[in-house]
Amino acid sequence: MNQPYELKEQIMSKKLIVLDLDGTTLRDDLTISSHTKNTLEKARMAGHEVMIATGRPYRISGSYYHELELTTPIVNFNGAVYHHPRLTTFAEGYHHAIDLQVVHELLDFSNGFSLDNIAAEVQDNVFLKERNNSVPETFHLGTENIVFGNIRDAIQSDATSLLFFGKMDQLDLISKHLDESLSGVISHHTWGASAWPAVEIIKFGIHKAIGVQAAAKTLGFDRKDIIAFGDETNDLQMLDYAGVGVAMGNAAESVKNVANVVTASNQDDGIALYLEENLNL
């Protein structure tokens, strides 16, 4: 992993280290290795800041935040929510949600498909259409009250995200409709490689880089002093925005193409190896 001279020069100052979770910080068994954990602690002790930017809601990412003993803000829902878990009042925080009228329009449109399930999330509140195993188990974690049934009737406020679970041919048709009819209103991402194929919808123009930019302002970092790690297409804007974007060895090819550097995989402590080499830890 030999770096160009200009990248090494950037890496010498104090850094904001931004971590995606799944496929990046987390191994395939959804744990953080002791090597990665210890290296991140060394980075913090050396004066660098460490934060998380994930597609997960806080209710299923907060445990990792506390495991790493972080004291920074966190980006959830791929940039739709930016908050500080340790501060009850955080003026810089935000919640970019899909307008309720648009949510209703999307739910009405979905009636034309025999989907496996539909989920809506309002920050850490969960609405599910069906009681079945068509969604990841994580949807049932971290919340004591999941509302089942007709989401259109149940949801009373703008939604952080909306997900349609179904067959790929159905999801392709839904994605085409979204591109043709709502491209300036919502953004969407397909979980095509997942065991639970889905189209995830959030407010237009929202991505992780928006949250990372807000965090850099809060914490006083220049863009050039951000090191971001990721592996999937929802990390593209974040890696492109960062001074140094690092793709994991297991990352999608499109992510590797955008990144400045490719490190080892999530299974092989890619984050730790990169930081040890480049931050002299």
Protein backbone atom coordinates (compact mmCIF):
# COMPACT_ATOMS: atom_id res chain seq x y z
CA MET A 1 0.00 0.00 0.00
CA ASN A 2 2.60 2.57 -0.99
CA GLN A 3 1.01 6.01 -1.08
CA PRO A 4 1.73 8.93 -3.44
CA TYR A 5 3.78 11.64 -1.74
CA GLU A 6 0.86 14.11 -1.61
CA LEU A 7 -1.35 11.56 0.19
CA LYS A 8 1.34 10.86 2.78
CA GLU A 9 1.67 14.59 3.37
CA GLN A 10 -2.08 14.83 3.98
CA ILE A 11 -2.05 11.92 6.42
CA MET A 12 0.53 13.46 8.80
CA SER A 13 -1.90 15.94 10.44
CA LYS A 14 -4.73 15.02 12.84
CA LYS A 15 -7.47 13.15 11.01
CA LEU A 16 -11.18 12.52 11.14
CA ILE A 17 -11.48 8.77 10.56
CA VAL A 18 -14.91 7.85 9.21
CA LEU A 19 -16.08 4.24 9.38
CA ASP A 20 -18.78 2.46 7.46
CA LEU A 21 -19.96 -0.56 9.47
CA ASP A 22 -21.19 -3.53 7.42
CA GLY A 23 -18.50 -5.01 5.20
CA THR A 24 -15.97 -2.48 6.49
CA THR A 25 -15.51 -2.17 10.25
CA LEU A 26 -17.57 -5.29 10.91
CA ARG A 27 -16.37 -8.74 9.97
CA ASP A 28 -18.81 -11.07 8.26
CA ASP A 29 -20.00 -12.32 11.67
CA LEU A 30 -20.92 -8.68 12.53
CA THR A 31 -18.19 -8.32 15.14
CA ILE A 32 -15.25 -5.91 15.35
CA SER A 33 -11.88 -7.65 15.60
CA SER A 34 -9.66 -6.88 18.57
CA HIS A 35 -6.95 -5.75 16.13
CA THR A 36 -9.23 -3.16 14.53
CA LYS A 37 -10.64 -2.06 17.88
CA ASN A 38 -7.20 -1.61 19.43
CA THR A 39 -5.89 0.29 16.43
CA LEU A 40 -8.83 2.69 16.48
CA GLU A 41 -8.19 3.27 20.18
CA LYS A 42 -4.54 4.03 19.42
CA ALA A 43 -5.66 6.51 16.76
CA ARG A 44 -7.90 8.28 19.26
CA MET A 45 -5.12 8.37 21.85
CA ALA A 46 -2.86 9.95 19.23
CA GLY A 47 -5.34 12.81 18.83
CA HIS A 48 -7.33 11.65 15.80
CA GLU A 49 -11.13 11.53 15.86
CA VAL A 50 -13.13 8.42 14.95
CA MET A 51 -16.78 8.41 13.88
CA ILE A 52 -19.33 6.11 12.25
CA ALA A 53 -21.29 6.79 9.04
CA THR A 54 -23.69 3.93 8.35
CA GLY A 55 -26.85 3.04 6.53
CA ARG A 56 -28.13 1.48 9.74
CA PRO A 57 -30.46 3.30 12.11
CA TYR A 58 -28.97 4.19 15.48
CA ARG A 59 -30.93 1.46 17.26
CA ILE A 60 -28.77 -1.18 15.50
CA SER A 61 -25.52 0.76 15.32
CA GLY A 62 -25.39 2.28 18.80
CA SER A 63 -23.90 -0.88 20.32
CA TYR A 64 -20.85 -0.53 18.06
CA TYR A 65 -20.60 3.18 18.87
CA HIS A 66 -20.36 2.33 22.56
CA GLU A 67 -18.13 -0.70 22.00
CA LEU A 68 -15.58 1.61 20.35
CA GLU A 69 -16.10 4.14 23.18
CA LEU A 70 -16.70 6.95 20.70
CA THR A 71 -17.49 10.51 21.76
CA THR A 72 -18.21 11.91 18.29
CA PRO A 73 -21.47 12.52 16.39
CA ILE A 74 -22.80 9.68 14.22
CA VAL A 75 -24.34 9.57 10.73
CA ASN A 76 -27.25 7.13 10.33
CA PHE A 77 -29.58 6.16 7.48
CA ASN A 78 -26.93 6.90 4.82
CA GLY A 79 -26.83 10.57 5.79
CA ALA A 80 -30.50 11.19 6.52
CA VAL A 81 -29.86 11.52 10.28
CA TYR A 82 -26.94 13.27 11.98
CA HIS A 83 -26.92 13.40 15.78
CA HIS A 84 -24.78 13.01 18.90
CA PRO A 85 -25.61 10.01 21.10
CA ARG A 86 -23.91 11.52 24.15
CA LEU A 87 -25.54 14.96 23.95
CA THR A 88 -29.24 15.41 24.69
CA THR A 89 -29.17 18.75 22.88
CA PHE A 90 -27.10 18.95 19.72
CA ALA A 91 -27.77 22.08 17.69
CA GLU A 92 -25.87 20.88 14.62
CA GLY A 93 -27.94 17.71 14.29
CA TYR A 94 -30.52 17.17 11.55
CA HIS A 95 -33.13 14.74 10.24
CA HIS A 96 -33.81 14.83 6.49
CA ALA A 97 -37.04 12.86 5.97
CA ILE A 98 -39.35 12.00 3.07
CA ASP A 99 -42.45 14.18 3.04
CA LEU A 100 -45.46 12.22 4.32
CA GLN A 101 -47.45 13.02 1.17
CA VAL A 102 -44.69 11.42 -0.94
CA VAL A 103 -44.66 8.41 1.40
CA HIS A 104 -48.40 7.99 0.81
CA GLU A 105 -47.89 8.26 -2.95
CA LEU A 106 -45.20 5.58 -2.86
CA LEU A 107 -47.30 3.26 -0.70
CA ASP A 108 -50.26 3.69 -3.05
CA PHE A 109 -48.02 2.86 -6.01
CA SER A 110 -46.70 -0.26 -4.27
CA ASN A 111 -50.24 -1.70 -4.13
CA GLY A 112 -49.75 -2.73 -7.76
CA PHE A 113 -47.11 -5.28 -6.73
CA SER A 114 -47.34 -8.44 -4.61
CA LEU A 115 -44.31 -7.51 -2.56
CA ASP A 116 -42.88 -9.70 0.20
CA ASN A 117 -42.99 -6.83 2.67
CA ILE A 118 -42.85 -3.07 3.13
CA ALA A 119 -41.05 -1.26 5.91
CA ALA A 120 -41.02 2.38 6.95
CA GLU A 121 -38.75 3.91 9.58
CA VAL A 122 -39.12 7.22 11.37
CA GLN A 123 -35.68 7.42 12.95
CA ASP A 124 -35.80 4.47 15.39
CA ASN A 125 -39.54 3.75 15.06
CA VAL A 126 -40.40 0.85 12.76
CA PHE A 127 -43.52 0.11 10.70
CA LEU A 128 -43.87 -3.28 8.96
CA LYS A 129 -46.70 -4.37 6.71
CA GLU A 130 -46.34 -8.13 7.32
CA ARG A 131 -45.32 -10.37 10.22
CA ASN A 132 -42.97 -12.70 8.34
CA ASN A 133 -39.29 -13.43 7.79
CA SER A 134 -39.01 -11.36 4.59
CA VAL A 135 -36.94 -8.63 6.28
CA PRO A 136 -33.60 -8.84 8.11
CA GLU A 137 -33.83 -9.75 11.78
CA THR A 138 -32.22 -6.39 12.55
CA PHE A 139 -35.56 -4.70 11.85
CA HIS A 140 -36.81 -6.28 15.06
CA LEU A 141 -33.83 -5.21 17.15
CA GLY A 142 -33.47 -2.14 19.32
CA THR A 143 -37.13 -1.23 19.42
CA GLU A 144 -39.83 -2.34 21.82
CA ASN A 145 -42.71 -1.27 19.63
CA ILE A 146 -42.95 -2.30 15.98
CA VAL A 147 -46.21 -1.31 14.35
CA PHE A 148 -47.57 -4.05 12.06
CA GLY A 149 -50.29 -3.66 9.48
CA ASN A 150 -51.38 -0.94 7.08
CA ILE A 151 -48.45 1.48 7.06
CA ARG A 152 -50.37 4.17 5.22
CA ASP A 153 -52.85 4.39 8.06
CA ALA A 154 -50.30 3.98 10.84
CA ILE A 155 -47.57 6.40 9.87
CA GLN A 156 -48.26 9.95 11.01
CA SER A 157 -45.06 11.82 10.18
CA ASP A 158 -42.41 12.18 7.49
CA ALA A 159 -40.41 8.95 7.05
CA THR A 160 -36.66 8.63 7.35
CA SER A 161 -36.69 5.69 4.96
CA LEU A 162 -39.08 3.43 3.08
CA LEU A 163 -38.20 -0.08 1.89
CA PHE A 164 -39.91 -2.38 -0.58
CA PHE A 165 -38.92 -6.07 -0.28
CA GLY A 166 -39.60 -8.37 -3.21
CA LYS A 167 -38.33 -10.16 -6.30
CA MET A 168 -35.67 -8.41 -8.38
CA ASP A 169 -37.95 -8.05 -11.42
CA GLN A 170 -40.47 -6.21 -9.21
CA LEU A 171 -37.77 -4.03 -7.72
CA ASP A 172 -36.44 -3.18 -11.17
CA LEU A 173 -39.89 -1.94 -12.21
CA ILE A 174 -40.20 0.08 -9.00
CA SER A 175 -36.75 1.60 -9.53
CA LYS A 176 -37.68 2.56 -13.09
CA HIS A 177 -40.83 4.30 -11.85
CA LEU A 178 -38.87 6.14 -9.18
CA ASP A 179 -36.35 7.35 -11.76
CA GLU A 180 -39.06 8.48 -14.15
CA SER A 181 -41.52 10.05 -11.73
CA LEU A 182 -39.76 11.05 -8.52
CA SER A 183 -36.10 11.52 -9.42
CA GLY A 184 -36.03 15.03 -7.97
CA VAL A 185 -37.91 14.10 -4.81
CA ILE A 186 -36.35 10.87 -3.51
CA SER A 187 -33.13 8.91 -3.83
CA HIS A 188 -33.08 5.12 -3.91
CA HIS A 189 -30.63 2.26 -3.59
CA THR A 190 -31.20 -1.44 -4.36
CA TRP A 191 -30.01 -4.20 -2.05
CA GLY A 192 -29.62 -6.57 -4.98
CA ALA A 193 -26.94 -8.80 -3.45
CA SER A 194 -28.74 -9.14 -0.14
CA ALA A 195 -30.57 -12.20 1.16
CA TRP A 196 -33.53 -9.81 1.38
CA PRO A 197 -33.62 -7.92 -1.96
CA ALA A 198 -35.13 -4.47 -1.49
CA VAL A 199 -35.34 -0.95 -2.79
CA GLU A 200 -34.47 1.53 -0.05
CA ILE A 201 -35.82 5.06 -0.49
CA ILE A 202 -34.68 8.21 1.29
CA LYS A 203 -35.10 11.93 0.66
CA PHE A 204 -33.60 13.24 -2.58
CA GLY A 205 -29.94 14.20 -2.52
CA ILE A 206 -29.18 12.52 0.78
CA HIS A 207 -26.00 10.47 1.13
CA LYS A 208 -23.27 9.84 3.67
CA ALA A 209 -21.08 12.69 2.44
CA ILE A 210 -23.66 15.21 3.66
CA GLY A 211 -23.40 13.84 7.18
CA VAL A 212 -19.61 13.62 7.05
CA GLN A 213 -19.42 17.23 5.86
CA ALA A 214 -21.60 18.27 8.81
CA ALA A 215 -19.42 16.28 11.21
CA ALA A 216 -16.23 17.82 9.84
CA LYS A 217 -17.69 21.27 10.46
CA THR A 218 -18.78 20.32 13.98
CA LEU A 219 -15.40 18.82 14.86
CA GLY A 220 -13.28 21.41 13.06
CA PHE A 221 -11.69 19.30 10.32
CA ASP A 222 -10.86 20.34 6.78
CA ARG A 223 -12.04 18.04 4.02
CA LYS A 224 -8.44 17.12 3.18
CA ASP A 225 -8.01 15.71 6.70
CA ILE A 226 -10.82 13.15 6.41
CA ILE A 227 -10.00 9.46 5.93
CA ALA A 228 -13.13 7.47 5.07
CA PHE A 229 -13.47 3.68 4.78
CA GLY A 230 -16.23 1.90 2.84
CA ASP A 231 -17.16 -1.06 0.69
CA GLU A 232 -20.55 -0.52 -0.98
CA THR A 233 -22.19 1.84 -3.44
CA ASN A 234 -23.79 3.82 -0.61
CA ASP A 235 -20.23 4.80 0.34
CA LEU A 236 -19.32 6.27 -3.06
CA GLN A 237 -20.04 9.93 -2.32
CA MET A 238 -18.38 9.70 1.10
CA LEU A 239 -15.16 8.22 -0.29
CA ASP A 240 -15.13 10.77 -3.09
CA TYR A 241 -15.66 13.63 -0.62
CA ALA A 242 -12.96 12.53 1.83
CA GLY A 243 -9.38 13.74 1.51
CA VAL A 244 -8.45 10.06 1.39
CA GLY A 245 -11.13 7.54 0.44
CA VAL A 246 -10.16 3.97 1.31
CA ALA A 247 -11.98 1.02 -0.25
CA MET A 248 -11.91 -2.35 1.48
CA GLY A 249 -10.45 -5.32 -0.36
CA ASN A 250 -13.96 -6.80 -0.47
CA ALA A 251 -15.48 -3.59 -1.89
CA ALA A 252 -17.53 -3.37 -5.07
CA GLU A 253 -15.46 -2.48 -8.13
CA SER A 254 -17.22 0.86 -8.50
CA VAL A 255 -16.13 1.72 -4.95
CA LYS A 256 -12.52 0.72 -5.63
CA ASN A 257 -12.57 2.90 -8.73
CA VAL A 258 -13.64 5.98 -6.76
CA ALA A 259 -11.32 5.40 -3.80
CA ASN A 260 -7.81 6.79 -3.56
CA VAL A 261 -6.54 3.57 -2.00
CA VAL A 262 -7.59 -0.07 -1.60
CA THR A 263 -6.74 -1.81 1.68
CA ALA A 264 -7.24 -5.39 2.87
CA SER A 265 -10.73 -6.83 3.36
CA ASN A 266 -13.02 -6.49 6.36
CA GLN A 267 -12.08 -10.05 7.28
CA ASP A 268 -8.37 -9.19 7.25
CA ASP A 269 -8.37 -6.01 9.38
CA GLY A 270 -8.09 -3.65 6.42
CA ILE A 271 -8.85 -0.58 8.56
CA ALA A 272 -6.22 -1.45 11.15
CA LEU A 273 -3.55 -2.24 8.57
CA TYR A 274 -4.11 1.03 6.71
CA LEU A 275 -4.10 3.19 9.84
CA GLU A 276 -1.04 1.48 11.31
CA GLU A 277 0.94 2.08 8.14
CA ASN A 278 -0.19 5.61 7.44
CA LEU A 279 -0.69 7.13 10.89
CA ASN A 280 2.40 5.52 12.41
CA LEU A 281 0.36 3.76 15.09
